[in-house]
């Protein structure tokens, strides 16, 4: 799971052009949206694209994605269980 966490951090930093942020700067359990990393709904779409392209994961219902997108740790756990 640690490898998945690192890969997700790198993919998010790259896709969202988060300059001046390294994987070590992102707390695995901090919220991605709001007070944590401060991402927004456009960023959520980018993360959704990463999950679809890299891991074959699609969400039929956007509401089911909300808890998955809470933090890097919740994303990585979901990817490990559901990647195609």
N, C-alpha and C. Protein backbone atom coordinates (compact mmCIF):
# COMPACT_ATOMS: atom_id res chain seq x y z
N UNK A 1 0.82 -1.19 0.00
CA UNK A 1 0.00 0.00 0.00
C UNK A 1 0.86 1.26 0.00
N UNK A 2 2.04 1.22 0.62
CA UNK A 2 2.92 2.39 0.63
C UNK A 2 3.32 2.81 -0.78
N UNK A 3 3.56 1.82 -1.65
CA UNK A 3 3.92 2.13 -3.04
C UNK A 3 2.76 2.82 -3.75
N UNK A 4 1.54 2.37 -3.47
CA UNK A 4 0.36 2.98 -4.08
C UNK A 4 0.19 4.41 -3.58
N UNK A 5 0.40 4.63 -2.29
CA UNK A 5 0.30 5.97 -1.72
C UNK A 5 1.28 6.91 -2.41
N UNK A 6 2.53 6.48 -2.53
CA UNK A 6 3.55 7.33 -3.17
C UNK A 6 3.19 7.61 -4.62
N UNK A 7 2.76 6.58 -5.34
CA UNK A 7 2.40 6.76 -6.75
C UNK A 7 1.23 7.73 -6.90
N UNK A 8 0.21 7.59 -6.06
CA UNK A 8 -0.94 8.50 -6.11
C UNK A 8 -0.51 9.94 -5.82
N UNK A 9 0.33 10.12 -4.82
CA UNK A 9 0.82 11.47 -4.51
C UNK A 9 1.53 12.06 -5.72
N UNK A 10 2.40 11.29 -6.35
CA UNK A 10 3.14 11.78 -7.52
C UNK A 10 2.19 12.09 -8.67
N UNK A 11 1.20 11.23 -8.89
CA UNK A 11 0.25 11.45 -9.98
C UNK A 11 -0.60 12.70 -9.73
N UNK A 12 -1.02 12.91 -8.50
CA UNK A 12 -1.83 14.08 -8.17
C UNK A 12 -1.00 15.35 -8.31
N UNK A 13 0.22 15.35 -7.80
CA UNK A 13 1.10 16.52 -7.92
C UNK A 13 1.30 16.87 -9.39
N UNK A 14 1.55 15.87 -10.22
CA UNK A 14 1.77 16.09 -11.64
C UNK A 14 0.52 16.57 -12.35
N UNK A 15 -0.60 15.87 -12.15
CA UNK A 15 -1.85 16.20 -12.86
C UNK A 15 -2.39 17.57 -12.47
N UNK A 16 -2.19 17.96 -11.21
CA UNK A 16 -2.75 19.23 -10.73
C UNK A 16 -1.73 20.36 -10.76
N UNK A 17 -0.53 20.07 -11.29
CA UNK A 17 0.53 21.08 -11.36
C UNK A 17 0.77 21.74 -10.01
N UNK A 18 0.89 20.93 -8.98
CA UNK A 18 1.12 21.45 -7.63
C UNK A 18 2.61 21.73 -7.45
N UNK A 19 3.03 22.88 -7.95
CA UNK A 19 4.43 23.26 -7.85
C UNK A 19 4.77 23.51 -6.38
N UNK A 20 6.01 23.30 -6.03
CA UNK A 20 6.51 23.50 -4.67
C UNK A 20 5.95 22.51 -3.67
N UNK A 21 5.31 21.44 -4.14
CA UNK A 21 4.81 20.39 -3.23
C UNK A 21 5.48 19.08 -3.62
N UNK A 22 6.00 18.38 -2.61
CA UNK A 22 6.60 17.06 -2.84
C UNK A 22 5.68 16.02 -2.19
N UNK A 23 5.85 14.75 -2.55
CA UNK A 23 5.04 13.71 -1.90
C UNK A 23 5.14 13.75 -0.38
N UNK A 24 6.32 14.10 0.14
CA UNK A 24 6.50 14.16 1.60
C UNK A 24 5.69 15.27 2.25
N UNK A 25 5.31 16.29 1.46
CA UNK A 25 4.53 17.41 1.99
C UNK A 25 3.07 17.04 2.21
N UNK A 26 2.62 15.95 1.60
CA UNK A 26 1.21 15.57 1.68
C UNK A 26 1.04 14.52 2.77
N UNK A 27 0.29 14.88 3.80
CA UNK A 27 -0.01 13.96 4.91
C UNK A 27 -1.00 12.90 4.39
N UNK A 28 -0.68 11.64 4.58
CA UNK A 28 -1.52 10.55 4.08
C UNK A 28 -2.95 10.62 4.59
N UNK A 29 -3.16 11.15 5.79
CA UNK A 29 -4.48 11.16 6.41
C UNK A 29 -5.16 12.52 6.42
N UNK A 30 -4.48 13.54 5.89
CA UNK A 30 -5.07 14.88 5.86
C UNK A 30 -6.13 14.96 4.76
N UNK A 31 -7.17 15.76 4.99
CA UNK A 31 -8.20 15.91 3.94
C UNK A 31 -7.59 16.48 2.66
N UNK A 32 -8.05 15.97 1.53
CA UNK A 32 -7.58 16.49 0.24
C UNK A 32 -8.29 17.80 -0.10
N UNK A 33 -9.52 17.94 0.38
CA UNK A 33 -10.34 19.10 0.04
C UNK A 33 -10.56 19.96 1.28
N UNK A 34 -10.79 21.25 1.07
CA UNK A 34 -11.03 22.15 2.20
C UNK A 34 -9.75 22.47 2.93
N UNK A 35 -9.73 22.27 4.24
CA UNK A 35 -8.61 22.72 5.07
C UNK A 35 -7.32 21.92 4.87
N UNK A 36 -7.39 20.75 4.30
CA UNK A 36 -6.19 19.94 4.11
C UNK A 36 -5.34 20.46 2.97
N UNK A 37 -5.30 19.72 1.88
CA UNK A 37 -4.51 20.11 0.71
C UNK A 37 -5.17 21.27 -0.04
N UNK A 38 -6.45 21.48 0.22
CA UNK A 38 -7.14 22.63 -0.36
C UNK A 38 -7.60 22.45 -1.81
N UNK A 39 -7.84 21.21 -2.20
CA UNK A 39 -8.28 20.96 -3.57
C UNK A 39 -9.75 21.35 -3.75
N UNK A 40 -10.17 21.47 -5.01
CA UNK A 40 -11.56 21.84 -5.30
C UNK A 40 -12.20 20.83 -6.25
N UNK A 41 -13.41 21.14 -6.73
CA UNK A 41 -14.16 20.19 -7.55
C UNK A 41 -13.48 19.90 -8.89
N UNK A 42 -12.79 20.88 -9.45
CA UNK A 42 -12.04 20.65 -10.69
C UNK A 42 -10.92 19.65 -10.43
N UNK A 43 -10.26 19.79 -9.29
CA UNK A 43 -9.20 18.85 -8.92
C UNK A 43 -9.77 17.44 -8.74
N UNK A 44 -10.99 17.35 -8.20
CA UNK A 44 -11.63 16.04 -8.04
C UNK A 44 -11.83 15.37 -9.39
N UNK A 45 -12.18 16.15 -10.41
CA UNK A 45 -12.34 15.59 -11.75
C UNK A 45 -11.01 15.05 -12.27
N UNK A 46 -9.94 15.78 -12.02
CA UNK A 46 -8.61 15.33 -12.44
C UNK A 46 -8.23 14.02 -11.75
N UNK A 47 -8.52 13.92 -10.46
CA UNK A 47 -8.22 12.69 -9.71
C UNK A 47 -9.07 11.55 -10.25
N UNK A 48 -10.33 11.84 -10.60
CA UNK A 48 -11.20 10.83 -11.18
C UNK A 48 -10.60 10.30 -12.48
N UNK A 49 -10.04 11.19 -13.29
CA UNK A 49 -9.40 10.77 -14.55
C UNK A 49 -8.20 9.88 -14.28
N UNK A 50 -7.41 10.21 -13.27
CA UNK A 50 -6.26 9.37 -12.90
C UNK A 50 -6.75 7.96 -12.55
N UNK A 51 -7.80 7.90 -11.73
CA UNK A 51 -8.32 6.59 -11.30
C UNK A 51 -8.83 5.78 -12.49
N UNK A 52 -9.48 6.46 -13.44
CA UNK A 52 -10.01 5.75 -14.60
C UNK A 52 -8.88 5.29 -15.52
N UNK A 53 -7.95 6.18 -15.84
CA UNK A 53 -6.89 5.85 -16.80
C UNK A 53 -5.85 4.89 -16.23
N UNK A 54 -5.44 5.12 -15.01
CA UNK A 54 -4.34 4.34 -14.43
C UNK A 54 -4.78 3.04 -13.77
N UNK A 55 -5.99 3.05 -13.22
CA UNK A 55 -6.40 1.91 -12.39
C UNK A 55 -7.70 1.24 -12.85
N UNK A 56 -8.34 1.78 -13.89
CA UNK A 56 -9.57 1.18 -14.38
C UNK A 56 -10.75 1.32 -13.43
N UNK A 57 -10.70 2.34 -12.57
CA UNK A 57 -11.75 2.55 -11.58
C UNK A 57 -12.70 3.64 -12.05
N UNK A 58 -13.99 3.31 -12.06
CA UNK A 58 -15.03 4.29 -12.41
C UNK A 58 -16.08 4.30 -11.31
N UNK A 59 -16.61 5.48 -11.04
CA UNK A 59 -17.68 5.62 -10.06
C UNK A 59 -18.98 5.85 -10.80
N UNK A 60 -19.93 4.92 -10.65
CA UNK A 60 -21.23 5.07 -11.29
C UNK A 60 -22.02 6.18 -10.60
N UNK A 61 -21.84 6.29 -9.30
CA UNK A 61 -22.56 7.27 -8.50
C UNK A 61 -21.54 8.19 -7.84
N UNK A 62 -21.54 9.49 -8.18
CA UNK A 62 -20.57 10.41 -7.57
C UNK A 62 -20.61 10.43 -6.04
N UNK A 63 -21.76 10.15 -5.47
CA UNK A 63 -21.87 10.17 -4.01
C UNK A 63 -20.99 9.09 -3.37
N UNK A 64 -20.80 7.96 -4.06
CA UNK A 64 -19.96 6.89 -3.49
C UNK A 64 -18.49 7.27 -3.51
N UNK A 65 -18.12 8.24 -4.33
CA UNK A 65 -16.72 8.66 -4.42
C UNK A 65 -16.30 9.57 -3.27
N UNK A 66 -17.24 10.28 -2.68
CA UNK A 66 -16.89 11.28 -1.66
C UNK A 66 -16.04 10.72 -0.52
N UNK A 67 -16.44 9.61 0.13
CA UNK A 67 -15.58 9.10 1.21
C UNK A 67 -14.23 8.58 0.71
N UNK A 68 -14.19 8.10 -0.51
CA UNK A 68 -12.94 7.59 -1.09
C UNK A 68 -11.95 8.73 -1.29
N UNK A 69 -12.45 9.91 -1.65
CA UNK A 69 -11.62 11.06 -1.95
C UNK A 69 -11.23 11.86 -0.71
N UNK A 70 -11.50 11.34 0.48
CA UNK A 70 -11.22 12.09 1.70
C UNK A 70 -9.73 12.40 1.86
N UNK A 71 -8.88 11.40 1.69
CA UNK A 71 -7.43 11.58 1.89
C UNK A 71 -6.66 10.66 0.95
N UNK A 72 -5.36 10.83 0.93
CA UNK A 72 -4.51 9.93 0.14
C UNK A 72 -4.67 8.50 0.65
N UNK A 73 -4.74 8.34 1.96
CA UNK A 73 -4.86 6.99 2.54
C UNK A 73 -6.16 6.32 2.09
N UNK A 74 -7.29 7.05 2.09
CA UNK A 74 -8.55 6.43 1.68
C UNK A 74 -8.54 6.14 0.18
N UNK A 75 -7.92 7.01 -0.60
CA UNK A 75 -7.79 6.76 -2.04
C UNK A 75 -6.96 5.51 -2.31
N UNK A 76 -5.82 5.42 -1.65
CA UNK A 76 -4.92 4.28 -1.86
C UNK A 76 -5.58 2.97 -1.45
N UNK A 77 -6.31 2.99 -0.34
CA UNK A 77 -6.99 1.78 0.11
C UNK A 77 -8.02 1.33 -0.93
N UNK A 78 -8.78 2.29 -1.47
CA UNK A 78 -9.79 1.97 -2.47
C UNK A 78 -9.13 1.43 -3.74
N UNK A 79 -8.03 2.07 -4.16
CA UNK A 79 -7.33 1.63 -5.38
C UNK A 79 -6.80 0.21 -5.19
N UNK A 80 -6.20 -0.07 -4.05
CA UNK A 80 -5.67 -1.42 -3.80
C UNK A 80 -6.75 -2.48 -3.87
N UNK A 81 -7.95 -2.16 -3.41
CA UNK A 81 -9.05 -3.13 -3.39
C UNK A 81 -9.77 -3.24 -4.73
N UNK A 82 -9.73 -2.18 -5.55
CA UNK A 82 -10.60 -2.13 -6.73
C UNK A 82 -9.92 -1.96 -8.08
N UNK A 83 -8.59 -1.86 -8.10
CA UNK A 83 -7.95 -1.64 -9.41
C UNK A 83 -8.15 -2.84 -10.31
N UNK A 84 -8.24 -2.56 -11.59
CA UNK A 84 -8.49 -3.60 -12.58
C UNK A 84 -7.17 -4.12 -13.15
